[in-house]
PDB file of N, CA and C in Angstrom:
ATOM      1  N   MET A   1      27.580 -41.562 -70.693  1.00  0.00           N
ATOM      2  CA  MET A   1      27.231 -40.171 -70.598  1.00  0.00           C
ATOM      3  C   MET A   1      26.181 -39.863 -71.666  1.00  0.00           C
ATOM      4  N   ALA A   2      25.142 -39.168 -71.283  1.00  0.00           N
ATOM      5  CA  ALA A   2      24.060 -38.835 -72.209  1.00  0.00           C
ATOM      6  C   ALA A   2      24.504 -37.736 -73.174  1.00  0.00           C
ATOM      7  N   LYS A   3      24.063 -37.894 -74.393  1.00  0.00           N
ATOM      8  CA  LYS A   3      24.398 -36.899 -75.400  1.00  0.00           C
ATOM      9  C   LYS A   3      23.464 -35.709 -75.232  1.00  0.00           C
ATOM     10  N   ARG A   4      24.040 -34.511 -75.231  1.00  0.00           N
ATOM     11  CA  ARG A   4      23.223 -33.308 -75.064  1.00  0.00           C
ATOM     12  C   ARG A   4      22.484 -33.003 -76.353  1.00  0.00           C
ATOM     13  N   LYS A   5      21.254 -32.600 -76.201  1.00  0.00           N
ATOM     14  CA  LYS A   5      20.437 -32.216 -77.346  1.00  0.00           C
ATOM     15  C   LYS A   5      20.912 -30.845 -77.833  1.00  0.00           C
ATOM     16  N   PRO A   6      21.048 -30.665 -79.141  1.00  0.00           N
ATOM     17  CA  PRO A   6      21.481 -29.365 -79.640  1.00  0.00           C
ATOM     18  C   PRO A   6      20.483 -28.277 -79.259  1.00  0.00           C
ATOM     19  N   VAL A   7      20.985 -27.078 -79.143  1.00  0.00           N
ATOM     20  CA  VAL A   7      20.140 -25.954 -78.768  1.00  0.00           C
ATOM     21  C   VAL A   7      19.048 -25.753 -79.807  1.00  0.00           C
ATOM     22  N   ILE A   8      19.425 -25.784 -81.051  1.00  0.00           N
ATOM     23  CA  ILE A   8      18.423 -25.758 -82.109  1.00  0.00           C
ATOM     24  C   ILE A   8      18.577 -27.073 -82.871  1.00  0.00           C
ATOM     25  N   ASP A   9      17.467 -27.697 -83.126  1.00  0.00           N
ATOM     26  CA  ASP A   9      17.496 -28.998 -83.797  1.00  0.00           C
ATOM     27  C   ASP A   9      17.029 -28.827 -85.241  1.00  0.00           C
ATOM     28  N   ILE A  10      17.963 -28.917 -86.156  1.00  0.00           N
ATOM     29  CA  ILE A  10      17.625 -28.691 -87.560  1.00  0.00           C
ATOM     30  C   ILE A  10      17.512 -29.990 -88.349  1.00  0.00           C
ATOM     31  N   GLU A  11      17.425 -31.104 -87.655  1.00  0.00           N
ATOM     32  CA  GLU A  11      17.329 -32.392 -88.336  1.00  0.00           C
ATOM     33  C   GLU A  11      16.126 -32.459 -89.276  1.00  0.00           C
ATOM     34  N   ASP A  12      14.987 -31.917 -88.832  1.00  0.00           N
ATOM     35  CA  ASP A  12      13.811 -31.919 -89.700  1.00  0.00           C
ATOM     36  C   ASP A  12      14.079 -31.112 -90.967  1.00  0.00           C
ATOM     37  N   CYS A  13      14.728 -29.976 -90.812  1.00  0.00           N
ATOM     38  CA  CYS A  13      15.050 -29.132 -91.976  1.00  0.00           C
ATOM     39  C   CYS A  13      15.959 -29.877 -92.950  1.00  0.00           C
ATOM     40  N   THR A  14      16.979 -30.519 -92.440  1.00  0.00           N
ATOM     41  CA  THR A  14      17.908 -31.210 -93.330  1.00  0.00           C
ATOM     42  C   THR A  14      17.233 -32.388 -94.034  1.00  0.00           C
ATOM     43  N   ARG A  15      16.349 -33.098 -93.335  1.00  0.00           N
ATOM     44  CA  ARG A  15      15.613 -34.194 -93.981  1.00  0.00           C
ATOM     45  C   ARG A  15      14.716 -33.664 -95.101  1.00  0.00           C
ATOM     46  N   LEU A  16      14.059 -32.544 -94.841  1.00  0.00           N
ATOM     47  CA  LEU A  16      13.198 -31.951 -95.866  1.00  0.00           C
ATOM     48  C   LEU A  16      14.017 -31.476 -97.070  1.00  0.00           C
ATOM     49  N   ILE A  17      15.179 -30.938 -96.815  1.00  0.00           N
ATOM     50  CA  ILE A  17      16.047 -30.498 -97.910  1.00  0.00           C
ATOM     51  C   ILE A  17      16.502 -31.700 -98.730  1.00  0.00           C
ATOM     52  N   GLU A  18      16.873 -32.782 -98.068  1.00  0.00           N
ATOM     53  CA  GLU A  18      17.284 -33.988 -98.785  1.00  0.00           C
ATOM     54  C   GLU A  18      16.166 -34.516 -99.680  1.00  0.00           C
ATOM     55  N   LYS A  19      14.919 -34.311 -99.249  1.00  0.00           N
ATOM     56  CA  LYS A  19      13.765 -34.750-100.043  1.00  0.00           C
ATOM     57  C   LYS A  19      13.340 -33.689-101.059  1.00  0.00           C
ATOM     58  N   ARG A  20      14.090 -32.593-101.095  1.00  0.00           N
ATOM     59  CA  ARG A  20      13.835 -31.459-102.001  1.00  0.00           C
ATOM     60  C   ARG A  20      12.491 -30.796-101.727  1.00  0.00           C
ATOM     61  N   ARG A  21      12.128 -30.782-100.486  1.00  0.00           N
ATOM     62  CA  ARG A  21      10.901 -30.090-100.058  1.00  0.00           C
ATOM     63  C   ARG A  21      11.331 -28.768 -99.423  1.00  0.00           C
ATOM     64  N   TYR A  22      11.808 -27.877-100.274  1.00  0.00           N
ATOM     65  CA  TYR A  22      12.436 -26.639 -99.815  1.00  0.00           C
ATOM     66  C   TYR A  22      11.465 -25.715 -99.085  1.00  0.00           C
ATOM     67  N   ARG A  23      10.249 -25.586 -99.571  1.00  0.00           N
ATOM     68  CA  ARG A  23       9.282 -24.704 -98.909  1.00  0.00           C
ATOM     69  C   ARG A  23       9.024 -25.187 -97.489  1.00  0.00           C
ATOM     70  N   ASP A  24       8.819 -26.491 -97.328  1.00  0.00           N
ATOM     71  CA  ASP A  24       8.590 -27.041 -95.990  1.00  0.00           C
ATOM     72  C   ASP A  24       9.816 -26.837 -95.099  1.00  0.00           C
ATOM     73  N   ALA A  25      10.992 -26.955 -95.681  1.00  0.00           N
ATOM     74  CA  ALA A  25      12.224 -26.744 -94.916  1.00  0.00           C
ATOM     75  C   ALA A  25      12.313 -25.302 -94.421  1.00  0.00           C
ATOM     76  N   VAL A  26      11.923 -24.369 -95.264  1.00  0.00           N
ATOM     77  CA  VAL A  26      11.945 -22.961 -94.862  1.00  0.00           C
ATOM     78  C   VAL A  26      10.962 -22.720 -93.722  1.00  0.00           C
ATOM     79  N   TYR A  27       9.760 -23.286 -93.824  1.00  0.00           N
ATOM     80  CA  TYR A  27       8.772 -23.125 -92.749  1.00  0.00           C
ATOM     81  C   TYR A  27       9.279 -23.747 -91.445  1.00  0.00           C
ATOM     82  N   ALA A  28       9.883 -24.907 -91.538  1.00  0.00           N
ATOM     83  CA  ALA A  28      10.429 -25.561 -90.339  1.00  0.00           C
ATOM     84  C   ALA A  28      11.545 -24.709 -89.732  1.00  0.00           C
ATOM     85  N   PHE A  29      12.373 -24.124 -90.578  1.00  0.00           N
ATOM     86  CA  PHE A  29      13.464 -23.281 -90.088  1.00  0.00           C
ATOM     87  C   PHE A  29      12.913 -22.020 -89.425  1.00  0.00           C
ATOM     88  N   GLU A  30      11.855 -21.458 -89.984  1.00  0.00           N
ATOM     89  CA  GLU A  30      11.233 -20.286 -89.365  1.00  0.00           C
ATOM     90  C   GLU A  30      10.714 -20.617 -87.968  1.00  0.00           C
ATOM     91  N   GLU A  31      10.131 -21.802 -87.809  1.00  0.00           N
ATOM     92  CA  GLU A  31       9.653 -22.221 -86.491  1.00  0.00           C
ATOM     93  C   GLU A  31      10.809 -22.345 -85.502  1.00  0.00           C
ATOM     94  N   ILE A  32      11.910 -22.886 -85.975  1.00  0.00           N
ATOM     95  CA  ILE A  32      13.092 -23.017 -85.113  1.00  0.00           C
ATOM     96  C   ILE A  32      13.573 -21.644 -84.679  1.00  0.00           C
ATOM     97  N   LEU A  33      13.622 -20.718 -85.629  1.00  0.00           N
ATOM     98  CA  LEU A  33      14.066 -19.363 -85.295  1.00  0.00           C
ATOM     99  C   LEU A  33      13.125 -18.700 -84.301  1.00  0.00           C
ATOM    100  N   ASP A  34      11.833 -18.898 -84.486  1.00  0.00           N
ATOM    101  CA  ASP A  34      10.867 -18.331 -83.531  1.00  0.00           C
ATOM    102  C   ASP A  34      11.107 -18.870 -82.131  1.00  0.00           C
ATOM    103  N   LYS A  35      11.314 -20.176 -82.020  1.00  0.00           N
ATOM    104  CA  LYS A  35      11.584 -20.783 -80.711  1.00  0.00           C
ATOM    105  C   LYS A  35      12.877 -20.248 -80.112  1.00  0.00           C
ATOM    106  N   LEU A  36      13.873 -20.058 -80.963  1.00  0.00           N
ATOM    107  CA  LEU A  36      15.163 -19.553 -80.507  1.00  0.00           C
ATOM    108  C   LEU A  36      15.023 -18.123 -79.984  1.00  0.00           C
ATOM    109  N   ILE A  37      14.242 -17.316 -80.685  1.00  0.00           N
ATOM    110  CA  ILE A  37      14.026 -15.928 -80.265  1.00  0.00           C
ATOM    111  C   ILE A  37      13.251 -15.867 -78.956  1.00  0.00           C
ATOM    112  N   GLU A  38      12.277 -16.756 -78.793  1.00  0.00           N
ATOM    113  CA  GLU A  38      11.445 -16.763 -77.590  1.00  0.00           C
ATOM    114  C   GLU A  38      12.106 -17.445 -76.396  1.00  0.00           C
ATOM    115  N   ALA A  39      13.190 -18.136 -76.616  1.00  0.00           N
ATOM    116  CA  ALA A  39      13.852 -18.880 -75.535  1.00  0.00           C
ATOM    117  C   ALA A  39      14.310 -17.938 -74.436  1.00  0.00           C
ATOM    118  N   LYS A  40      14.151 -18.404 -73.206  1.00  0.00           N
ATOM    119  CA  LYS A  40      14.557 -17.595 -72.060  1.00  0.00           C
ATOM    120  C   LYS A  40      16.070 -17.582 -71.904  1.00  0.00           C
ATOM    121  N   LYS A  41      16.681 -18.677 -72.252  1.00  0.00           N
ATOM    122  CA  LYS A  41      18.127 -18.773 -72.130  1.00  0.00           C
ATOM    123  C   LYS A  41      18.733 -18.786 -73.530  1.00  0.00           C
ATOM    124  N   SER A  42      19.620 -17.884 -73.780  1.00  0.00           N
ATOM    125  CA  SER A  42      20.252 -17.789 -75.097  1.00  0.00           C
ATOM    126  C   SER A  42      21.310 -18.883 -75.254  1.00  0.00           C
ATOM    127  N   PRO A  43      21.327 -19.534 -76.407  1.00  0.00           N
ATOM    128  CA  PRO A  43      22.348 -20.558 -76.649  1.00  0.00           C
ATOM    129  C   PRO A  43      23.692 -19.905 -76.970  1.00  0.00           C
ATOM    130  N   ARG A  44      24.731 -20.701 -76.848  1.00  0.00           N
ATOM    131  CA  ARG A  44      26.057 -20.212 -77.222  1.00  0.00           C
ATOM    132  C   ARG A  44      26.111 -20.038 -78.732  1.00  0.00           C
ATOM    133  N   GLY A  45      26.787 -19.021 -79.153  1.00  0.00           N
ATOM    134  CA  GLY A  45      26.918 -18.730 -80.579  1.00  0.00           C
ATOM    135  C   GLY A  45      27.553 -19.867 -81.350  1.00  0.00           C
ATOM    136  N   SER A  46      28.525 -20.534 -80.749  1.00  0.00           N
ATOM    137  CA  SER A  46      29.202 -21.632 -81.442  1.00  0.00           C
ATOM    138  C   SER A  46      28.261 -22.811 -81.666  1.00  0.00           C
ATOM    139  N   GLN A  47      27.343 -23.041 -80.728  1.00  0.00           N
ATOM    140  CA  GLN A  47      26.373 -24.126 -80.897  1.00  0.00           C
ATOM    141  C   GLN A  47      25.422 -23.816 -82.049  1.00  0.00           C
ATOM    142  N   VAL A  48      24.957 -22.592 -82.110  1.00  0.00           N
ATOM    143  CA  VAL A  48      24.054 -22.182 -83.194  1.00  0.00           C
ATOM    144  C   VAL A  48      24.790 -22.269 -84.524  1.00  0.00           C
ATOM    145  N   ALA A  49      26.039 -21.811 -84.550  1.00  0.00           N
ATOM    146  CA  ALA A  49      26.828 -21.836 -85.784  1.00  0.00           C
ATOM    147  C   ALA A  49      27.025 -23.267 -86.292  1.00  0.00           C
ATOM    148  N   LYS A  50      27.256 -24.211 -85.401  1.00  0.00           N
ATOM    149  CA  LYS A  50      27.422 -25.612 -85.813  1.00  0.00           C
ATOM    150  C   LYS A  50      26.151 -26.152 -86.458  1.00  0.00           C
ATOM    151  N   GLU A  51      25.012 -25.832 -85.869  1.00  0.00           N
ATOM    152  CA  GLU A  51      23.746 -26.297 -86.431  1.00  0.00           C
ATOM    153  C   GLU A  51      23.461 -25.628 -87.776  1.00  0.00           C
ATOM    154  N   LEU A  52      23.759 -24.354 -87.883  1.00  0.00           N
ATOM    155  CA  LEU A  52      23.567 -23.653 -89.156  1.00  0.00           C
ATOM    156  C   LEU A  52      24.490 -24.199 -90.236  1.00  0.00           C
ATOM    157  N   LYS A  53      25.695 -24.585 -89.845  1.00  0.00           N
ATOM    158  CA  LYS A  53      26.639 -25.185 -90.797  1.00  0.00           C
ATOM    159  C   LYS A  53      26.057 -26.481 -91.366  1.00  0.00           C
ATOM    160  N   LYS A  54      25.405 -27.283 -90.528  1.00  0.00           N
ATOM    161  CA  LYS A  54      24.761 -28.518 -90.994  1.00  0.00           C
ATOM    162  C   LYS A  54      23.687 -28.195 -92.027  1.00  0.00           C
ATOM    163  N   LEU A  55      22.924 -27.141 -91.765  1.00  0.00           N
ATOM    164  CA  LEU A  55      21.867 -26.737 -92.684  1.00  0.00           C
ATOM    165  C   LEU A  55      22.448 -26.300 -94.032  1.00  0.00           C
ATOM    166  N   VAL A  56      23.478 -25.493 -93.983  1.00  0.00           N
ATOM    167  CA  VAL A  56      24.118 -25.022 -95.219  1.00  0.00           C
ATOM    168  C   VAL A  56      24.693 -26.195 -95.999  1.00  0.00           C
ATOM    169  N   THR A  57      25.297 -27.136 -95.323  1.00  0.00           N
ATOM    170  CA  THR A  57      25.857 -28.317 -95.981  1.00  0.00           C
ATOM    171  C   THR A  57      24.759 -29.131 -96.661  1.00  0.00           C
ATOM    172  N   ALA A  58      23.628 -29.287 -96.003  1.00  0.00           N
ATOM    173  CA  ALA A  58      22.502 -30.025 -96.594  1.00  0.00           C
ATOM    174  C   ALA A  58      21.995 -29.321 -97.846  1.00  0.00           C
ATOM    175  N   ILE A  59      21.905 -28.008 -97.800  1.00  0.00           N
ATOM    176  CA  ILE A  59      21.450 -27.244 -98.971  1.00  0.00           C
ATOM    177  C   ILE A  59      22.447 -27.396-100.113  1.00  0.00           C
ATOM    178  N   GLU A  60      23.718 -27.261 -99.807  1.00  0.00           N
ATOM    179  CA  GLU A  60      24.757 -27.391-100.828  1.00  0.00           C
ATOM    180  C   GLU A  60      24.731 -28.779-101.470  1.00  0.00           C
ATOM    181  N   ASP A  61      24.617 -29.817-100.666  1.00  0.00           N
ATOM    182  CA  ASP A  61      24.561 -31.180-101.194  1.00  0.00           C
ATOM    183  C   ASP A  61      23.345 -31.383-102.096  1.00  0.00           C
ATOM    184  N   SER A  62      22.224 -30.830-101.689  1.00  0.00           N
ATOM    185  CA  SER A  62      21.005 -30.959-102.483  1.00  0.00           C
ATOM    186  C   SER A  62      21.150 -30.245-103.823  1.00  0.00           C
ATOM    187  N   PHE A  63      21.728 -29.047-103.810  1.00  0.00           N
ATOM    188  CA  PHE A  63      21.930 -28.312-105.059  1.00  0.00           C
ATOM    189  C   PHE A  63      22.909 -29.037-105.975  1.00  0.00           C
ATOM    190  N   LYS A  64      23.963 -29.602-105.396  1.00  0.00           N
ATOM    191  CA  LYS A  64      24.927 -30.362-106.212  1.00  0.00           C
ATOM    192  C   LYS A  64      24.244 -31.560-106.856  1.00  0.00           C
ATOM    193  N   ARG A  65      23.446 -32.265-106.071  1.00  0.00           N
ATOM    194  CA  ARG A  65      22.743 -33.436-106.580  1.00  0.00           C
ATOM    195  C   ARG A  65      21.809 -33.029-107.727  1.00  0.00           C
ATOM    196  N   SER A  66      21.091 -31.939-107.556  1.00  0.00           N
ATOM    197  CA  SER A  66      20.188 -31.448-108.606  1.00  0.00           C
ATOM    198  C   SER A  66      20.970 -31.051-109.848  1.00  0.00           C
ATOM    199  N   TYR A  67      22.105 -30.398-109.661  1.00  0.00           N
ATOM    200  CA  TYR A  67      22.917 -29.959-110.797  1.00  0.00           C
ATOM    201  C   TYR A  67      23.422 -31.159-111.584  1.00  0.00           C
ATOM    202  N   TYR A  68      23.974 -32.142-110.883  1.00  0.00           N
ATOM    203  CA  TYR A  68      24.530 -33.296-111.584  1.00  0.00           C
ATOM    204  C   TYR A  68      23.450 -34.112-112.276  1.00  0.00           C
ATOM    205  N   GLU A  69      22.282 -34.198-111.658  1.00  0.00           N
ATOM    206  CA  GLU A  69      21.181 -34.919-112.305  1.00  0.00           C
ATOM    207  C   GLU A  69      20.724 -34.189-113.557  1.00  0.00           C
ATOM    208  N   SER A  70      20.604 -32.874-113.487  1.00  0.00           N
ATOM    209  CA  SER A  70      20.171 -32.121-114.667  1.00  0.00           C
ATOM    210  C   SER A  70      21.259 -32.126-115.729  1.00  0.00           C
ATOM    211  N   ASP A  71      22.515 -32.089-115.318  1.00  0.00           N
ATOM    212  CA  ASP A  71      23.625 -32.123-116.269  1.00  0.00           C
ATOM    213  C   ASP A  71      23.677 -33.471-116.989  1.00  0.00           C
ATOM    214  N   SER A  72      23.447 -34.565-116.259  1.00  0.00           N
ATOM    215  CA  SER A  72      23.473 -35.885-116.898  1.00  0.00           C
ATOM    216  C   SER A  72      22.275 -36.049-117.826  1.00  0.00           C
ATOM    217  N   ASN A  73      21.126 -35.479-117.453  1.00  0.00           N
ATOM    218  CA  ASN A  73      19.954 -35.519-118.340  1.00  0.00           C
ATOM    219  C   ASN A  73      20.216 -34.726-119.607  1.00  0.00           C
ATOM    220  N   ARG A  74      20.855 -33.567-119.468  1.00  0.00           N
ATOM    221  CA  ARG A  74      21.168 -32.726-120.613  1.00  0.00           C
ATOM    222  C   ARG A  74      22.165 -33.449-121.534  1.00  0.00           C
ATOM    223  N   THR A  75      23.159 -34.095-120.964  1.00  0.00           N
ATOM    224  CA  THR A  75      24.159 -34.806-121.743  1.00  0.00           C
ATOM    225  C   THR A  75      23.527 -35.963-122.509  1.00  0.00           C
ATOM    226  N   SER A  76      22.637 -36.703-121.875  1.00  0.00           N
ATOM    227  CA  SER A  76      22.002 -37.829-122.561  1.00  0.00           C
ATOM    228  C   SER A  76      21.074 -37.331-123.662  1.00  0.00           C
ATOM    229  N   SER A  77      20.421 -36.174-123.464  1.00  0.00           N
ATOM    230  CA  SER A  77      19.562 -35.605-124.508  1.00  0.00           C
ATOM    231  C   SER A  77      20.389 -35.190-125.715  1.00  0.00           C
ATOM    232  N   VAL A  78      21.534 -34.582-125.467  1.00  0.00           N
ATOM    233  CA  VAL A  78      22.420 -34.163-126.558  1.00  0.00           C
ATOM    234  C   VAL A  78      22.941 -35.387-127.291  1.00  0.00           C
ATOM    235  N   SER A  79      23.269 -36.435-126.569  1.00  0.00           N
ATOM    236  CA  SER A  79      23.759 -37.666-127.200  1.00  0.00           C
ATOM    237  C   SER A  79      22.697 -38.279-128.098  1.00  0.00           C
ATOM    238  N   ARG A  80      21.451 -38.322-127.607  1.00  0.00           N
ATOM    239  CA  ARG A  80      20.369 -38.868-128.427  1.00  0.00           C
ATOM    240  C   ARG A  80      20.134 -38.015-129.662  1.00  0.00           C
ATOM    241  N   LEU A  81      20.187 -36.703-129.512  1.00  0.00           N
ATOM    242  CA  LEU A  81      19.993 -35.802-130.631  1.00  0.00           C
ATOM    243  C   LEU A  81      21.116 -35.976-131.655  1.00  0.00           C
ATOM    244  N   SER A  82      22.339 -36.102-131.181  1.00  0.00           N
ATOM    245  CA  SER A  82      23.476 -36.312-132.076  1.00  0.00           C
ATOM    246  C   SER A  82      23.345 -37.629-132.820  1.00  0.00           C
ATOM    247  N   ALA A  83      22.893 -38.665-132.137  1.00  0.00           N
ATOM    248  CA  ALA A  83      22.734 -39.975-132.760  1.00  0.00           C
ATOM    249  C   ALA A  83      21.657 -39.921-133.843  1.00  0.00           C
ATOM    250  N   ARG A  84      20.586 -39.205-133.562  1.00  0.00           N
ATOM    251  CA  ARG A  84      19.526 -39.064-134.567  1.00  0.00           C
ATOM    252  C   ARG A  84      20.042 -38.314-135.786  1.00  0.00           C
ATOM    253  N   SER A  85      20.764 -37.238-135.543  1.00  0.00           N
ATOM    254  CA  SER A  85      21.302 -36.440-136.646  1.00  0.00           C
ATOM    255  C   SER A  85      22.271 -37.264-137.477  1.00  0.00           C
ATOM    256  N   ALA A  86      23.108 -38.035-136.824  1.00  0.00           N
ATOM    257  CA  ALA A  86      24.081 -38.866-137.537  1.00  0.00           C
ATOM    258  C   ALA A  86      23.357 -39.923-138.361  1.00  0.00           C
ATOM    259  N   GLY A  87      22.296 -40.484-137.809  1.00  0.00           N
ATOM    260  CA  GLY A  87      21.525 -41.497-138.536  1.00  0.00           C
ATOM    261  C   GLY A  87      20.867 -40.914-139.771  1.00  0.00           C
ATOM    262  N   LYS A  88      20.331 -39.713-139.679  1.00  0.00           N
ATOM    263  CA  LYS A  88      19.709 -39.053-140.828  1.00  0.00           C
ATOM    264  C   LYS A  88      20.745 -38.738-141.891  1.00  0.00           C
ATOM    265  N   ALA A  89      21.927 -38.324-141.454  1.00  0.00           N
ATOM    266  CA  ALA A  89      22.983 -37.990-142.410  1.00  0.00           C
ATOM    267  C   ALA A  89      23.422 -39.234-143.163  1.00  0.00           C
ATOM    268  N   ARG A  90      23.555 -40.355-142.454  1.00  0.00           N
ATOM    269  CA  ARG A  90      23.962 -41.605-143.116  1.00  0.00           C
ATOM    270  C   ARG A  90      22.924 -42.026-144.145  1.00  0.00           C
ATOM    271  N   THR A  91      21.650 -41.920-143.774  1.00  0.00           N
ATOM    272  CA  THR A  91      20.568 -42.304-144.688  1.00  0.00           C
ATOM    273  C   THR A  91      20.570 -41.413-145.932  1.00  0.00           C
ATOM    274  N   LYS A  92      20.790 -40.127-145.735  1.00  0.00           N
ATOM    275  CA  LYS A  92      20.779 -39.173-146.827  1.00  0.00           C
ATOM    276  C   LYS A  92      21.895 -39.474-147.834  1.00  0.00           C
ATOM    277  N   TYR A  93      23.097 -39.765-147.320  1.00  0.00           N
ATOM    278  CA  TYR A  93      24.246 -40.009-148.201  1.00  0.00           C
ATOM    279  C   TYR A  93      24.265 -41.437-148.732  1.00  0.00           C
ATOM    280  N   ALA A  94      23.553 -42.339-148.106  1.00  0.00           N
ATOM    281  CA  ALA A  94      23.535 -43.719-148.561  1.00  0.00           C
ATOM    282  C   ALA A  94      22.701 -43.860-149.835  1.00  0.00           C
ATOM    283  N   ASN A  95      21.740 -42.985-150.005  1.00  0.00           N
ATOM    284  CA  ASN A  95      20.865 -43.070-151.193  1.00  0.00           C
ATOM    285  C   ASN A  95      21.519 -42.514-152.385  1.00  0.00           C
TER     286      ASN A  95
END
């Protein structure tokens, strides 16, 4: 049995979000919405909701990934700063 194509295809949007190309993702989503508005046959609400859920999940995953990367960078910077401070303190008291 052939798999039915979703009423709105947000795969391009989710790929762009994964690549952190948010502006392009927004433009792609606007095009999808325009096509949806111009469509002669309205899709079922549940089908649209499923596709939108995929989009929201992709955005959430991307934000989490960005947060954890920035948090790990911040932690390593603090560790390096602490190590430098500790090294200076040892040198100061060693003399």
